[in-house]
Amino acid sequence: MVSGEQAKAIVRVLPDGTTRNMGGTVRPLRRVVPHDAPDTGKPQICARQRAQIVAYKLIARTAGQWERDANNEGAHYIDKHPFRDEGIVCANCVFYRGPRACEIVKGEIDPMGICKLWVIPDMYLKSDNGGNESNA
């Protein structure tokens, strides 16, 4: 277990924006996502990602969580994908609330799955393509 991890209360955000304590606590499975690395001072979440986080949380709070499916209300969630070795998995996303839950996507979430809404700090991403997003 990573030192400094703290238990988090299980809280549900209702469609009207209010919250309800669900009782109990959840401990992070693999890590707590720092917004700034304490040892280097380098941001782990860039300004664009911070804006995504705020926007996605607001949407989930006001319109409800995304469905898992691939329709216009869906997050296009998949549990088997080819990007696992690169660190692109739910367990590394800032919205993952383990053990099998997401802050913004409904339903049971596999820690090794992924959806189109992911926000993952650079420190969890591994790239073998020289930093390019595509191999084209």
Protein backbone atom coordinates (compact mmCIF):
# COMPACT_ATOMS: atom_id res chain seq x y z
CA MET A 1 0.00 0.00 0.00
CA VAL A 2 1.25 3.48 -0.87
CA SER A 3 1.96 5.56 2.20
CA GLY A 4 -0.37 8.46 2.76
CA GLU A 5 -3.44 6.70 1.36
CA GLN A 6 -6.57 7.58 3.24
CA ALA A 7 -9.97 5.97 3.38
CA LYS A 8 -12.66 7.94 1.56
CA ALA A 9 -16.31 8.06 2.54
CA ILE A 10 -18.69 6.52 0.05
CA VAL A 11 -20.76 9.46 -1.18
CA ARG A 12 -23.34 9.44 -3.96
CA VAL A 13 -24.03 12.61 -5.94
CA LEU A 14 -27.74 12.81 -6.70
CA PRO A 15 -29.09 14.28 -9.99
CA ASP A 16 -30.09 17.50 -8.21
CA GLY A 17 -26.45 18.08 -7.21
CA THR A 18 -26.84 17.18 -3.54
CA THR A 19 -24.78 14.43 -1.96
CA ARG A 20 -25.71 11.53 0.26
CA ASN A 21 -23.32 9.64 2.52
CA MET A 22 -23.76 5.95 1.71
CA GLY A 23 -22.01 4.80 4.90
CA GLY A 24 -18.73 2.96 5.03
CA THR A 25 -15.42 3.83 3.45
CA VAL A 26 -13.42 2.77 0.44
CA ARG A 27 -9.64 2.58 0.37
CA PRO A 28 -7.93 3.18 -2.98
CA LEU A 29 -6.82 -0.08 -4.54
CA ARG A 30 -3.56 0.97 -6.17
CA ARG A 31 -2.91 4.63 -5.67
CA VAL A 32 -4.22 8.06 -4.81
CA VAL A 33 -3.94 10.39 -7.79
CA PRO A 34 -1.92 13.45 -6.76
CA HIS A 35 -2.68 16.64 -8.65
CA ASP A 36 0.90 17.74 -8.05
CA ALA A 37 3.86 15.49 -7.42
CA PRO A 38 5.25 16.44 -3.99
CA ASP A 39 8.78 15.31 -4.81
CA THR A 40 9.20 17.28 -8.07
CA GLY A 41 6.58 19.98 -7.91
CA LYS A 42 5.66 19.14 -11.51
CA PRO A 43 1.95 19.09 -12.24
CA GLN A 44 0.63 15.59 -12.86
CA ILE A 45 -2.66 16.92 -14.18
CA CYS A 46 -2.38 19.61 -16.87
CA ALA A 47 -4.72 22.59 -17.17
CA ARG A 48 -6.72 20.92 -19.96
CA GLN A 49 -7.20 17.81 -17.80
CA ARG A 50 -8.26 19.93 -14.81
CA ALA A 51 -10.90 21.57 -17.04
CA GLN A 52 -12.08 18.11 -18.18
CA ILE A 53 -12.36 16.94 -14.57
CA VAL A 54 -14.45 19.96 -13.57
CA ALA A 55 -16.67 19.71 -16.66
CA TYR A 56 -17.27 15.94 -16.38
CA LYS A 57 -18.07 16.19 -12.66
CA LEU A 58 -20.52 19.03 -13.32
CA ILE A 59 -22.21 17.06 -16.12
CA ALA A 60 -22.47 13.95 -13.93
CA ARG A 61 -23.85 16.02 -11.05
CA THR A 62 -26.48 17.80 -13.14
CA ALA A 63 -27.41 15.21 -15.78
CA GLY A 64 -26.50 12.02 -13.93
CA GLN A 65 -23.73 9.53 -14.52
CA TRP A 66 -22.98 8.33 -18.05
CA GLU A 67 -24.28 4.93 -19.08
CA ARG A 68 -21.65 2.32 -19.91
CA ASP A 69 -22.85 1.70 -23.48
CA ALA A 70 -21.84 3.25 -26.79
CA ASN A 71 -24.87 5.46 -27.43
CA ASN A 72 -25.17 9.24 -27.09
CA GLU A 73 -25.62 8.87 -23.30
CA GLY A 74 -22.79 6.37 -23.06
CA ALA A 75 -19.18 6.46 -21.96
CA HIS A 76 -18.21 3.74 -24.47
CA TYR A 77 -16.86 1.64 -21.58
CA ILE A 78 -15.04 -1.59 -22.45
CA ASP A 79 -13.41 -4.05 -20.11
CA LYS A 80 -11.09 -5.71 -22.63
CA HIS A 81 -8.87 -3.45 -24.74
CA PRO A 82 -5.33 -3.26 -26.14
CA PHE A 83 -4.15 -0.25 -24.11
CA ARG A 84 -3.68 -1.92 -20.70
CA ASP A 85 0.10 -2.19 -21.04
CA GLU A 86 0.28 1.57 -21.60
CA GLY A 87 -1.40 2.28 -18.24
CA ILE A 88 -4.66 3.39 -19.86
CA VAL A 89 -6.99 1.66 -17.39
CA CYS A 90 -9.80 2.71 -15.09
CA ALA A 91 -7.71 2.05 -11.97
CA ASN A 92 -5.36 4.88 -13.05
CA CYS A 93 -8.15 7.36 -13.89
CA VAL A 94 -8.97 10.22 -11.51
CA PHE A 95 -12.65 9.23 -11.57
CA TYR A 96 -12.10 5.61 -10.46
CA ARG A 97 -13.59 5.01 -7.03
CA GLY A 98 -12.77 1.29 -6.55
CA PRO A 99 -13.21 -1.39 -5.79
CA ARG A 100 -15.41 -1.53 -8.94
CA ALA A 101 -16.96 1.93 -9.23
CA CYS A 102 -16.54 5.19 -11.12
CA GLU A 103 -17.51 8.68 -10.06
CA ILE A 104 -19.03 9.55 -13.45
CA VAL A 105 -19.95 6.22 -15.15
CA LYS A 106 -22.78 3.98 -13.90
CA GLY A 107 -22.47 0.34 -13.03
CA GLU A 108 -19.73 -2.09 -12.16
CA ILE A 109 -16.35 -0.96 -13.49
CA ASP A 110 -13.43 -3.34 -14.03
CA PRO A 111 -10.21 -1.66 -12.79
CA MET A 112 -8.53 -2.83 -16.01
CA GLY A 113 -11.32 -1.48 -18.26
CA ILE A 114 -11.47 1.95 -19.90
CA CYS A 115 -13.96 4.45 -21.37
CA LYS A 116 -13.77 7.54 -23.56
CA LEU A 117 -13.92 9.88 -20.55
CA TRP A 118 -10.63 8.89 -18.91
CA VAL A 119 -8.29 11.42 -17.33
CA ILE A 120 -5.03 9.73 -16.35
CA PRO A 121 -2.00 11.57 -14.95
CA ASP A 122 1.18 11.24 -17.01
CA MET A 123 2.94 9.39 -14.19
CA TYR A 124 0.67 6.37 -14.83
CA LEU A 125 1.07 6.32 -18.61
CA LYS A 126 3.72 4.23 -20.32
CA SER A 127 4.53 4.90 -23.95
CA ASP A 128 6.78 3.00 -26.33
CA ASN A 129 6.06 5.23 -29.32
CA GLY A 130 8.30 8.18 -28.43
CA GLY A 131 5.51 10.21 -26.83
CA ASN A 132 3.35 10.36 -29.97
CA GLU A 133 -0.34 9.73 -29.54
CA SER A 134 -0.55 7.69 -32.71
CA ASN A 135 1.77 5.52 -34.72
CA ALA A 136 0.64 7.05 -38.02
